[in-house]
């Protein structure tokens, strides 16, 4: 039986993205924004990832413990919905999917919410974006779910954020460009916990109020994620700061040691670099597996767009 109540399930279905955390090799709960589809029959959650960004798939195969936080309601159509944290166990087979297959409803929902992606499936966009449609399927079985206060309430209560020191810790300019961030941290058993927090740049690192950190978090490897998207999943950007999380009285401190920007800076020059790197990463994955570059079944994707007859033209 699913652990998602009907009320929580409705909220989960409305969010355009969630923050999905897997465990890196060093135990860091590292989260990235991703689209999710919930199977109404059994409550399992489906996530897909391209070969170019397959690290979360490799993480899942090594350790299936994952966390999902539905916390950014942009485009959900809901007025101040609760945040939802889901802890679960994930699996990810090796099969590379080049058609919707059992993820047809996932793609149908995504295409309806992101209409501009039609340009990636039709020529000439498909000639540059074929790597994106070579997907791995990650299935999450929820173990528990928790509703939390709406993000808007937390931001309103906190008020304006004070600027940090200049130049500040590694990644300060990135994090301070966003009103909040998602903390990924381990619990006593190494499971990933996620929470929206309001980090403050200090001379020593990023300070986080202890009241914002979930019960059960312990010191160790951790990360802060920032990301954004608009109402139709455009203007997307994400970045993460990894480091060591320490408890210091009424606050926690993340001392950063690495900054990650997998989708670039959002500038046009960065977009070309990301496209180049994604194609190269895909080629390396296929070469390592001894697999020829597969053919994408474009027509089957086109059939899932709203008004699919028009999408064919």
C-alpha atoms as a PDB file:
ATOM      1  CA  UNK A   1       0.000   0.000   0.000  1.00  0.00           C
ATOM      2  CA  UNK A   2       1.299   3.473  -0.869  1.00  0.00           C
ATOM      3  CA  UNK A   3       2.520   5.722   1.945  1.00  0.00           C
ATOM      4  CA  UNK A   4       1.279   8.793   0.084  1.00  0.00           C
ATOM      5  CA  UNK A   5      -2.128   9.884   1.354  1.00  0.00           C
ATOM      6  CA  UNK A   6      -4.559  11.212  -1.280  1.00  0.00           C
ATOM      7  CA  UNK A   7      -3.922  14.772  -0.070  1.00  0.00           C
ATOM      8  CA  UNK A   8      -0.150  14.413  -0.324  1.00  0.00           C
ATOM      9  CA  UNK A   9      -0.413  12.589  -3.642  1.00  0.00           C
ATOM     10  CA  UNK A  10      -2.404  15.486  -5.137  1.00  0.00           C
ATOM     11  CA  UNK A  11       0.278  17.944  -4.043  1.00  0.00           C
ATOM     12  CA  UNK A  12       3.078  15.758  -5.402  1.00  0.00           C
ATOM     13  CA  UNK A  13       1.290  15.488  -8.756  1.00  0.00           C
ATOM     14  CA  UNK A  14       1.011  19.281  -8.994  1.00  0.00           C
ATOM     15  CA  UNK A  15       4.674  20.166  -8.516  1.00  0.00           C
ATOM     16  CA  UNK A  16       6.564  20.564 -11.809  1.00  0.00           C
ATOM     17  CA  UNK A  17       9.827  19.392 -10.265  1.00  0.00           C
ATOM     18  CA  UNK A  18      11.229  17.998  -7.061  1.00  0.00           C
ATOM     19  CA  UNK A  19      14.702  17.920  -5.558  1.00  0.00           C
ATOM     20  CA  UNK A  20      15.912  14.335  -5.902  1.00  0.00           C
ATOM     21  CA  UNK A  21      18.830  13.242  -3.705  1.00  0.00           C
ATOM     22  CA  UNK A  22      21.022  10.199  -4.160  1.00  0.00           C
ATOM     23  CA  UNK A  23      24.096   9.250  -2.156  1.00  0.00           C
ATOM     24  CA  UNK A  24      27.455  10.039  -3.744  1.00  0.00           C
ATOM     25  CA  UNK A  25      30.351   7.631  -3.250  1.00  0.00           C
ATOM     26  CA  UNK A  26      31.561   9.639  -0.240  1.00  0.00           C
ATOM     27  CA  UNK A  27      28.085   9.578   1.333  1.00  0.00           C
ATOM     28  CA  UNK A  28      27.086  13.122   0.364  1.00  0.00           C
ATOM     29  CA  UNK A  29      23.295  13.390  -0.191  1.00  0.00           C
ATOM     30  CA  UNK A  30      23.494  15.285  -3.485  1.00  0.00           C
ATOM     31  CA  UNK A  31      20.212  16.616  -4.891  1.00  0.00           C
ATOM     32  CA  UNK A  32      19.253  17.885  -8.344  1.00  0.00           C
ATOM     33  CA  UNK A  33      15.917  19.140  -9.680  1.00  0.00           C
ATOM     34  CA  UNK A  34      13.996  16.597 -11.725  1.00  0.00           C
ATOM     35  CA  UNK A  35      10.535  15.847 -13.067  1.00  0.00           C
ATOM     36  CA  UNK A  36       8.578  13.007 -11.467  1.00  0.00           C
ATOM     37  CA  UNK A  37       5.565  10.920 -12.388  1.00  0.00           C
ATOM     38  CA  UNK A  38       3.549   9.125  -9.705  1.00  0.00           C
ATOM     39  CA  UNK A  39       1.936   5.831 -10.628  1.00  0.00           C
ATOM     40  CA  UNK A  40      -1.645   6.130  -9.312  1.00  0.00           C
ATOM     41  CA  UNK A  41      -1.936   2.359  -9.056  1.00  0.00           C
ATOM     42  CA  UNK A  42       0.788   1.743  -6.476  1.00  0.00           C
ATOM     43  CA  UNK A  43       2.226   5.166  -5.574  1.00  0.00           C
ATOM     44  CA  UNK A  44       5.684   4.453  -6.914  1.00  0.00           C
ATOM     45  CA  UNK A  45       7.555   7.408  -8.393  1.00  0.00           C
ATOM     46  CA  UNK A  46       9.256   7.379 -11.791  1.00  0.00           C
ATOM     47  CA  UNK A  47      12.243   9.558 -12.647  1.00  0.00           C
ATOM     48  CA  UNK A  48      14.256   9.403 -15.849  1.00  0.00           C
ATOM     49  CA  UNK A  49      17.771  10.622 -16.526  1.00  0.00           C
ATOM     50  CA  UNK A  50      19.794  10.993 -19.698  1.00  0.00           C
ATOM     51  CA  UNK A  51      23.043   9.110 -20.156  1.00  0.00           C
ATOM     52  CA  UNK A  52      24.867  12.443 -20.112  1.00  0.00           C
ATOM     53  CA  UNK A  53      23.782  13.044 -16.511  1.00  0.00           C
ATOM     54  CA  UNK A  54      23.744   9.458 -15.367  1.00  0.00           C
ATOM     55  CA  UNK A  55      25.566   9.910 -12.056  1.00  0.00           C
ATOM     56  CA  UNK A  56      22.345   9.636 -10.065  1.00  0.00           C
ATOM     57  CA  UNK A  57      21.631   6.340 -11.816  1.00  0.00           C
ATOM     58  CA  UNK A  58      25.077   5.048 -10.855  1.00  0.00           C
ATOM     59  CA  UNK A  59      24.546   6.265  -7.302  1.00  0.00           C
ATOM     60  CA  UNK A  60      21.223   4.410  -7.064  1.00  0.00           C
ATOM     61  CA  UNK A  61      22.793   1.168  -8.253  1.00  0.00           C
ATOM     62  CA  UNK A  62      25.429   1.475  -5.530  1.00  0.00           C
ATOM     63  CA  UNK A  63      23.021   2.555  -2.776  1.00  0.00           C
ATOM     64  CA  UNK A  64      19.270   2.716  -3.351  1.00  0.00           C
ATOM     65  CA  UNK A  65      18.436   5.067  -0.486  1.00  0.00           C
ATOM     66  CA  UNK A  66      17.017   8.317  -1.867  1.00  0.00           C
ATOM     67  CA  UNK A  67      15.094  11.394  -0.806  1.00  0.00           C
ATOM     68  CA  UNK A  68      12.700  13.639  -2.719  1.00  0.00           C
ATOM     69  CA  UNK A  69      11.599  17.099  -1.640  1.00  0.00           C
ATOM     70  CA  UNK A  70       8.722  18.860  -3.366  1.00  0.00           C
ATOM     71  CA  UNK A  71       9.393  22.427  -2.298  1.00  0.00           C
ATOM     72  CA  UNK A  72       9.366  24.845  -5.257  1.00  0.00           C
ATOM     73  CA  UNK A  73       5.685  25.330  -6.252  1.00  0.00           C
ATOM     74  CA  UNK A  74       6.424  27.467  -9.331  1.00  0.00           C
ATOM     75  CA  UNK A  75       3.936  26.537 -12.059  1.00  0.00           C
ATOM     76  CA  UNK A  76       1.974  24.155  -9.829  1.00  0.00           C
ATOM     77  CA  UNK A  77      -1.198  26.230  -9.957  1.00  0.00           C
ATOM     78  CA  UNK A  78      -1.562  25.801  -6.197  1.00  0.00           C
ATOM     79  CA  UNK A  79      -1.763  28.666  -3.717  1.00  0.00           C
ATOM     80  CA  UNK A  80       0.915  28.120  -1.041  1.00  0.00           C
ATOM     81  CA  UNK A  81       0.931  24.300  -1.129  1.00  0.00           C
ATOM     82  CA  UNK A  82       2.756  22.381   1.589  1.00  0.00           C
ATOM     83  CA  UNK A  83       6.223  21.103   0.964  1.00  0.00           C
ATOM     84  CA  UNK A  84       6.467  17.314   0.857  1.00  0.00           C
ATOM     85  CA  UNK A  85       9.473  15.181   1.755  1.00  0.00           C
ATOM     86  CA  UNK A  86       9.523  11.556   0.612  1.00  0.00           C
ATOM     87  CA  UNK A  87      12.109   8.995   1.700  1.00  0.00           C
ATOM     88  CA  UNK A  88      12.344   5.850  -0.372  1.00  0.00           C
ATOM     89  CA  UNK A  89      14.300   3.093  -2.052  1.00  0.00           C
ATOM     90  CA  UNK A  90      15.211   3.333  -5.734  1.00  0.00           C
ATOM     91  CA  UNK A  91      16.193   0.925  -8.474  1.00  0.00           C
ATOM     92  CA  UNK A  92      17.652   1.650 -11.913  1.00  0.00           C
ATOM     93  CA  UNK A  93      18.116  -1.088 -14.522  1.00  0.00           C
ATOM     94  CA  UNK A  94      20.887  -0.775 -17.123  1.00  0.00           C
ATOM     95  CA  UNK A  95      18.475  -0.701 -20.069  1.00  0.00           C
ATOM     96  CA  UNK A  96      18.724   2.424 -22.251  1.00  0.00           C
ATOM     97  CA  UNK A  97      15.309   3.605 -23.412  1.00  0.00           C
ATOM     98  CA  UNK A  98      15.012   5.452 -26.728  1.00  0.00           C
ATOM     99  CA  UNK A  99      11.207   5.436 -26.761  1.00  0.00           C
ATOM    100  CA  UNK A 100       8.608   6.343 -24.107  1.00  0.00           C
ATOM    101  CA  UNK A 101       8.020   2.668 -23.253  1.00  0.00           C
ATOM    102  CA  UNK A 102       6.540   2.281 -19.743  1.00  0.00           C
ATOM    103  CA  UNK A 103       7.255   5.969 -19.074  1.00  0.00           C
ATOM    104  CA  UNK A 104       4.629   7.138 -21.591  1.00  0.00           C
ATOM    105  CA  UNK A 105       2.573   8.936 -18.942  1.00  0.00           C
ATOM    106  CA  UNK A 106       5.711  10.574 -17.567  1.00  0.00           C
ATOM    107  CA  UNK A 107       6.498  12.005 -21.014  1.00  0.00           C
ATOM    108  CA  UNK A 108       2.875  12.957 -21.722  1.00  0.00           C
ATOM    109  CA  UNK A 109       2.762  14.967 -18.505  1.00  0.00           C
ATOM    110  CA  UNK A 110       6.155  16.557 -19.125  1.00  0.00           C
ATOM    111  CA  UNK A 111       5.329  17.588 -22.700  1.00  0.00           C
ATOM    112  CA  UNK A 112       2.039  19.148 -21.601  1.00  0.00           C
ATOM    113  CA  UNK A 113       3.864  21.215 -18.982  1.00  0.00           C
ATOM    114  CA  UNK A 114       6.835  22.067 -21.207  1.00  0.00           C
ATOM    115  CA  UNK A 115       5.358  22.795 -24.653  1.00  0.00           C
ATOM    116  CA  UNK A 116       8.557  24.351 -26.003  1.00  0.00           C
ATOM    117  CA  UNK A 117      10.239  20.930 -25.821  1.00  0.00           C
ATOM    118  CA  UNK A 118       8.432  20.089 -29.078  1.00  0.00           C
ATOM    119  CA  UNK A 119      11.327  21.912 -30.717  1.00  0.00           C
ATOM    120  CA  UNK A 120      13.712  19.300 -29.342  1.00  0.00           C
ATOM    121  CA  UNK A 121      11.738  16.398 -30.841  1.00  0.00           C
ATOM    122  CA  UNK A 122      11.144  17.853 -34.306  1.00  0.00           C
ATOM    123  CA  UNK A 123      13.865  18.666 -36.862  1.00  0.00           C
ATOM    124  CA  UNK A 124      16.255  20.431 -36.681  1.00  0.00           C
ATOM    125  CA  UNK A 125      16.312  20.376 -32.856  1.00  0.00           C
ATOM    126  CA  UNK A 126      16.305  16.580 -32.690  1.00  0.00           C
ATOM    127  CA  UNK A 127      19.644  16.443 -34.509  1.00  0.00           C
ATOM    128  CA  UNK A 128      21.294  18.197 -31.560  1.00  0.00           C
ATOM    129  CA  UNK A 129      19.177  16.723 -28.771  1.00  0.00           C
ATOM    130  CA  UNK A 130      19.145  12.983 -29.491  1.00  0.00           C
ATOM    131  CA  UNK A 131      21.380  12.437 -26.428  1.00  0.00           C
ATOM    132  CA  UNK A 132      18.589  13.784 -24.199  1.00  0.00           C
ATOM    133  CA  UNK A 133      16.194  11.017 -25.316  1.00  0.00           C
ATOM    134  CA  UNK A 134      18.534   8.172 -24.415  1.00  0.00           C
ATOM    135  CA  UNK A 135      17.127   7.626 -20.932  1.00  0.00           C
ATOM    136  CA  UNK A 136      17.582   5.457 -17.873  1.00  0.00           C
ATOM    137  CA  UNK A 137      14.520   4.805 -15.704  1.00  0.00           C
ATOM    138  CA  UNK A 138      14.708   5.195 -11.922  1.00  0.00           C
ATOM    139  CA  UNK A 139      11.782   3.837  -9.898  1.00  0.00           C
ATOM    140  CA  UNK A 140      11.342   4.939  -6.293  1.00  0.00           C
ATOM    141  CA  UNK A 141       9.263   3.005  -3.767  1.00  0.00           C
ATOM    142  CA  UNK A 142       8.318   5.501  -1.012  1.00  0.00           C
ATOM    143  CA  UNK A 143       8.994   4.376   2.548  1.00  0.00           C
ATOM    144  CA  UNK A 144       7.572   7.446   4.288  1.00  0.00           C
ATOM    145  CA  UNK A 145       6.192  10.881   3.428  1.00  0.00           C
ATOM    146  CA  UNK A 146       6.020  14.092   5.434  1.00  0.00           C
ATOM    147  CA  UNK A 147       4.133  17.335   4.760  1.00  0.00           C
ATOM    148  CA  UNK A 148       5.841  20.566   5.816  1.00  0.00           C
ATOM    149  CA  UNK A 149       4.764  24.234   5.916  1.00  0.00           C
ATOM    150  CA  UNK A 150       4.612  26.061   2.579  1.00  0.00           C
ATOM    151  CA  UNK A 151       7.815  27.656   1.351  1.00  0.00           C
ATOM    152  CA  UNK A 152       6.106  31.057   1.022  1.00  0.00           C
ATOM    153  CA  UNK A 153       5.316  31.089   4.736  1.00  0.00           C
ATOM    154  CA  UNK A 154       8.943  30.369   5.615  1.00  0.00           C
ATOM    155  CA  UNK A 155      10.273  33.096   3.318  1.00  0.00           C
ATOM    156  CA  UNK A 156       7.768  35.666   4.590  1.00  0.00           C
ATOM    157  CA  UNK A 157       8.648  34.911   8.202  1.00  0.00           C
ATOM    158  CA  UNK A 158      12.374  35.201   7.519  1.00  0.00           C
ATOM    159  CA  UNK A 159      12.182  38.618   5.846  1.00  0.00           C
ATOM    160  CA  UNK A 160      14.908  40.037   3.575  1.00  0.00           C
ATOM    161  CA  UNK A 161      18.278  38.324   3.629  1.00  0.00           C
ATOM    162  CA  UNK A 162      21.317  40.347   4.705  1.00  0.00           C
ATOM    163  CA  UNK A 163      24.285  40.312   2.307  1.00  0.00           C
ATOM    164  CA  UNK A 164      27.220  38.167   3.342  1.00  0.00           C
ATOM    165  CA  UNK A 165      30.895  39.073   3.494  1.00  0.00           C
ATOM    166  CA  UNK A 166      32.840  39.973   0.375  1.00  0.00           C
ATOM    167  CA  UNK A 167      34.205  37.874  -1.255  1.00  0.00           C
ATOM    168  CA  UNK A 168      32.538  35.284   1.003  1.00  0.00           C
ATOM    169  CA  UNK A 169      32.983  31.487   0.996  1.00  0.00           C
ATOM    170  CA  UNK A 170      33.227  29.366  -2.129  1.00  0.00           C
ATOM    171  CA  UNK A 171      29.891  29.489  -3.999  1.00  0.00           C
ATOM    172  CA  UNK A 172      28.539  32.498  -2.086  1.00  0.00           C
ATOM    173  CA  UNK A 173      27.649  34.489  -5.205  1.00  0.00           C
ATOM    174  CA  UNK A 174      25.656  31.551  -6.546  1.00  0.00           C
ATOM    175  CA  UNK A 175      23.680  30.874  -3.385  1.00  0.00           C
ATOM    176  CA  UNK A 176      22.947  34.503  -2.598  1.00  0.00           C
ATOM    177  CA  UNK A 177      21.249  34.899  -5.993  1.00  0.00           C
ATOM    178  CA  UNK A 178      18.431  32.644  -4.727  1.00  0.00           C
ATOM    179  CA  UNK A 179      15.985  33.293  -1.849  1.00  0.00           C
ATOM    180  CA  UNK A 180      16.517  29.818  -0.375  1.00  0.00           C
ATOM    181  CA  UNK A 181      18.408  26.585  -0.917  1.00  0.00           C
ATOM    182  CA  UNK A 182      17.848  22.866  -0.361  1.00  0.00           C
ATOM    183  CA  UNK A 183      20.101  21.198   2.184  1.00  0.00           C
ATOM    184  CA  UNK A 184      20.954  17.553   1.618  1.00  0.00           C
ATOM    185  CA  UNK A 185      22.440  15.949   4.736  1.00  0.00           C
ATOM    186  CA  UNK A 186      22.780  12.452   6.249  1.00  0.00           C
ATOM    187  CA  UNK A 187      20.927  11.037   9.222  1.00  0.00           C
ATOM    188  CA  UNK A 188      22.459   8.683  11.794  1.00  0.00           C
ATOM    189  CA  UNK A 189      22.101   5.736   9.399  1.00  0.00           C
ATOM    190  CA  UNK A 190      23.424   7.621   6.372  1.00  0.00           C
ATOM    191  CA  UNK A 191      20.004   8.104   4.769  1.00  0.00           C
ATOM    192  CA  UNK A 192      19.555  11.330   2.785  1.00  0.00           C
ATOM    193  CA  UNK A 193      17.432  14.043   4.402  1.00  0.00           C
ATOM    194  CA  UNK A 194      16.339  17.185   2.546  1.00  0.00           C
ATOM    195  CA  UNK A 195      15.011  20.545   3.707  1.00  0.00           C
ATOM    196  CA  UNK A 196      14.550  24.072   2.367  1.00  0.00           C
ATOM    197  CA  UNK A 197      16.829  26.369   4.339  1.00  0.00           C
ATOM    198  CA  UNK A 198      17.991  29.986   4.319  1.00  0.00           C
ATOM    199  CA  UNK A 199      21.785  29.778   4.340  1.00  0.00           C
ATOM    200  CA  UNK A 200      23.764  32.876   5.322  1.00  0.00           C
ATOM    201  CA  UNK A 201      27.250  33.387   3.955  1.00  0.00           C
ATOM    202  CA  UNK A 202      29.799  33.917   6.722  1.00  0.00           C
ATOM    203  CA  UNK A 203      33.563  34.118   6.768  1.00  0.00           C
ATOM    204  CA  UNK A 204      33.691  30.423   7.741  1.00  0.00           C
ATOM    205  CA  UNK A 205      31.016  28.974   5.432  1.00  0.00           C
ATOM    206  CA  UNK A 206      27.238  28.886   5.130  1.00  0.00           C
ATOM    207  CA  UNK A 207      25.339  29.216   8.413  1.00  0.00           C
ATOM    208  CA  UNK A 208      21.935  27.537   8.716  1.00  0.00           C
ATOM    209  CA  UNK A 209      19.536  28.033  11.635  1.00  0.00           C
ATOM    210  CA  UNK A 210      19.258  24.830  13.653  1.00  0.00           C
ATOM    211  CA  UNK A 211      15.450  25.196  13.630  1.00  0.00           C
ATOM    212  CA  UNK A 212      15.467  24.719   9.842  1.00  0.00           C
ATOM    213  CA  UNK A 213      17.492  21.505   9.893  1.00  0.00           C
ATOM    214  CA  UNK A 214      15.424  18.283  10.078  1.00  0.00           C
ATOM    215  CA  UNK A 215      15.523  16.113  13.172  1.00  0.00           C
ATOM    216  CA  UNK A 216      18.011  13.306  12.788  1.00  0.00           C
ATOM    217  CA  UNK A 217      20.616  15.170  10.736  1.00  0.00           C
ATOM    218  CA  UNK A 218      24.192  14.476  11.842  1.00  0.00           C
ATOM    219  CA  UNK A 219      27.478  16.174  10.952  1.00  0.00           C
ATOM    220  CA  UNK A 220      29.132  14.901   7.807  1.00  0.00           C
ATOM    221  CA  UNK A 221      29.250  15.351   4.062  1.00  0.00           C
ATOM    222  CA  UNK A 222      26.388  17.560   2.841  1.00  0.00           C
ATOM    223  CA  UNK A 223      25.374  19.889   0.011  1.00  0.00           C
ATOM    224  CA  UNK A 224      23.266  22.944  -0.748  1.00  0.00           C
ATOM    225  CA  UNK A 225      21.270  23.045  -3.992  1.00  0.00           C
ATOM    226  CA  UNK A 226      19.798  26.116  -5.679  1.00  0.00           C
ATOM    227  CA  UNK A 227      17.637  25.953  -8.781  1.00  0.00           C
ATOM    228  CA  UNK A 228      14.880  27.739 -10.641  1.00  0.00           C
ATOM    229  CA  UNK A 229      12.404  27.322 -13.491  1.00  0.00           C
ATOM    230  CA  UNK A 230       9.439  29.302 -14.770  1.00  0.00           C
ATOM    231  CA  UNK A 231       5.794  28.227 -15.142  1.00  0.00           C
ATOM    232  CA  UNK A 232       6.524  26.183 -18.295  1.00  0.00           C
ATOM    233  CA  UNK A 233       9.884  24.737 -17.260  1.00  0.00           C
ATOM    234  CA  UNK A 234      12.002  27.288 -19.096  1.00  0.00           C
ATOM    235  CA  UNK A 235      14.692  29.620 -17.735  1.00  0.00           C
ATOM    236  CA  UNK A 236      16.121  26.667 -15.817  1.00  0.00           C
ATOM    237  CA  UNK A 237      19.333  26.876 -13.841  1.00  0.00           C
ATOM    238  CA  UNK A 238      20.829  24.852 -11.015  1.00  0.00           C
ATOM    239  CA  UNK A 239      24.005  24.673  -8.990  1.00  0.00           C
ATOM    240  CA  UNK A 240      25.226  22.936  -5.855  1.00  0.00           C
ATOM    241  CA  UNK A 241      27.842  23.553  -3.194  1.00  0.00           C
ATOM    242  CA  UNK A 242      29.302  20.493  -1.479  1.00  0.00           C
ATOM    243  CA  UNK A 243      31.186  20.466   1.786  1.00  0.00           C
ATOM    244  CA  UNK A 244      31.361  19.411   5.408  1.00  0.00           C
ATOM    245  CA  UNK A 245      28.395  20.059   7.706  1.00  0.00           C
ATOM    246  CA  UNK A 246      29.100  20.908  11.354  1.00  0.00           C
ATOM    247  CA  UNK A 247      26.867  21.548  14.351  1.00  0.00           C
ATOM    248  CA  UNK A 248      27.640  24.803  16.169  1.00  0.00           C
ATOM    249  CA  UNK A 249      25.187  25.562  18.982  1.00  0.00           C
ATOM    250  CA  UNK A 250      22.026  27.131  17.563  1.00  0.00           C
ATOM    251  CA  UNK A 251      23.261  26.843  13.987  1.00  0.00           C
ATOM    252  CA  UNK A 252      24.797  24.441  11.524  1.00  0.00           C
ATOM    253  CA  UNK A 253      27.709  25.412   9.287  1.00  0.00           C
ATOM    254  CA  UNK A 254      28.442  24.027   5.823  1.00  0.00           C
ATOM    255  CA  UNK A 255      32.117  24.535   5.003  1.00  0.00           C
ATOM    256  CA  UNK A 256      32.249  24.311   1.195  1.00  0.00           C
ATOM    257  CA  UNK A 257      34.936  22.558  -0.808  1.00  0.00           C
ATOM    258  CA  UNK A 258      33.360  22.135  -4.261  1.00  0.00           C
ATOM    259  CA  UNK A 259      30.916  23.994  -6.533  1.00  0.00           C
ATOM    260  CA  UNK A 260      28.976  22.174  -9.263  1.00  0.00           C
ATOM    261  CA  UNK A 261      27.136  23.813 -12.189  1.00  0.00           C
ATOM    262  CA  UNK A 262      26.208  20.907 -14.501  1.00  0.00           C
ATOM    263  CA  UNK A 263      23.972  23.010 -16.758  1.00  0.00           C
ATOM    264  CA  UNK A 264      26.334  25.961 -16.953  1.00  0.00           C
ATOM    265  CA  UNK A 265      25.805  29.558 -15.979  1.00  0.00           C
ATOM    266  CA  UNK A 266      22.659  30.152 -18.039  1.00  0.00           C
ATOM    267  CA  UNK A 267      24.503  32.346 -20.568  1.00  0.00           C
ATOM    268  CA  UNK A 268      24.458  31.486 -24.288  1.00  0.00           C
ATOM    269  CA  UNK A 269      28.152  30.603 -24.323  1.00  0.00           C
ATOM    270  CA  UNK A 270      27.539  28.232 -21.442  1.00  0.00           C
ATOM    271  CA  UNK A 271      24.656  26.580 -23.292  1.00  0.00           C
ATOM    272  CA  UNK A 272      26.945  25.597 -26.169  1.00  0.00           C
ATOM    273  CA  UNK A 273      29.456  24.153 -23.724  1.00  0.00           C
ATOM    274  CA  UNK A 274      26.750  22.146 -21.944  1.00  0.00           C
ATOM    275  CA  UNK A 275      25.473  20.757 -25.251  1.00  0.00           C
ATOM    276  CA  UNK A 276      28.990  19.775 -26.308  1.00  0.00           C
ATOM    277  CA  UNK A 277      29.756  18.153 -22.957  1.00  0.00           C
ATOM    278  CA  UNK A 278      26.443  16.274 -22.914  1.00  0.00           C
ATOM    279  CA  UNK A 279      27.072  14.755 -26.327  1.00  0.00           C
ATOM    280  CA  UNK A 280      30.595  13.765 -25.328  1.00  0.00           C
ATOM    281  CA  UNK A 281      29.426  12.222 -22.053  1.00  0.00           C
ATOM    282  CA  UNK A 282      26.778  10.227 -23.911  1.00  0.00           C
ATOM    283  CA  UNK A 283      29.349   8.953 -26.412  1.00  0.00           C
ATOM    284  CA  UNK A 284      31.666   7.887 -23.573  1.00  0.00           C
ATOM    285  CA  UNK A 285      28.840   6.002 -21.844  1.00  0.00           C
ATOM    286  CA  UNK A 286      27.943   4.100 -25.021  1.00  0.00           C
ATOM    287  CA  UNK A 287      31.583   3.348 -25.807  1.00  0.00           C
ATOM    288  CA  UNK A 288      32.166   2.021 -22.289  1.00  0.00           C
ATOM    289  CA  UNK A 289      29.148  -0.276 -22.651  1.00  0.00           C
ATOM    290  CA  UNK A 290      30.238  -1.354 -26.143  1.00  0.00           C
ATOM    291  CA  UNK A 291      26.913  -0.128 -27.536  1.00  0.00           C
ATOM    292  CA  UNK A 292      26.383   1.574 -30.887  1.00  0.00           C
ATOM    293  CA  UNK A 293      24.575   4.917 -30.795  1.00  0.00           C
ATOM    294  CA  UNK A 294      20.898   3.881 -30.689  1.00  0.00           C
ATOM    295  CA  UNK A 295      18.167   5.258 -32.901  1.00  0.00           C
ATOM    296  CA  UNK A 296      15.560   7.439 -31.174  1.00  0.00           C
ATOM    297  CA  UNK A 297      11.922   6.548 -31.906  1.00  0.00           C
ATOM    298  CA  UNK A 298      10.905  10.145 -32.510  1.00  0.00           C
ATOM    299  CA  UNK A 299       7.379   9.405 -33.751  1.00  0.00           C
ATOM    300  CA  UNK A 300       6.490   7.674 -30.505  1.00  0.00           C
ATOM    301  CA  UNK A 301       7.548  10.756 -28.541  1.00  0.00           C
ATOM    302  CA  UNK A 302       5.650  13.052 -30.916  1.00  0.00           C
ATOM    303  CA  UNK A 303       2.458  11.056 -30.366  1.00  0.00           C
ATOM    304  CA  UNK A 304       2.485  12.108 -26.708  1.00  0.00           C
ATOM    305  CA  UNK A 305       2.398  15.864 -27.323  1.00  0.00           C
ATOM    306  CA  UNK A 306      -0.940  17.649 -26.860  1.00  0.00           C
ATOM    307  CA  UNK A 307      -2.527  17.868 -30.330  1.00  0.00           C
ATOM    308  CA  UNK A 308      -0.175  15.202 -31.595  1.00  0.00           C
ATOM    309  CA  UNK A 309      -1.409  15.395 -35.187  1.00  0.00           C
ATOM    310  CA  UNK A 310      -0.128  18.950 -35.357  1.00  0.00           C
ATOM    311  CA  UNK A 311       3.116  17.947 -33.751  1.00  0.00           C
ATOM    312  CA  UNK A 312       3.880  15.631 -36.652  1.00  0.00           C
ATOM    313  CA  UNK A 313       3.874  18.412 -39.217  1.00  0.00           C
END
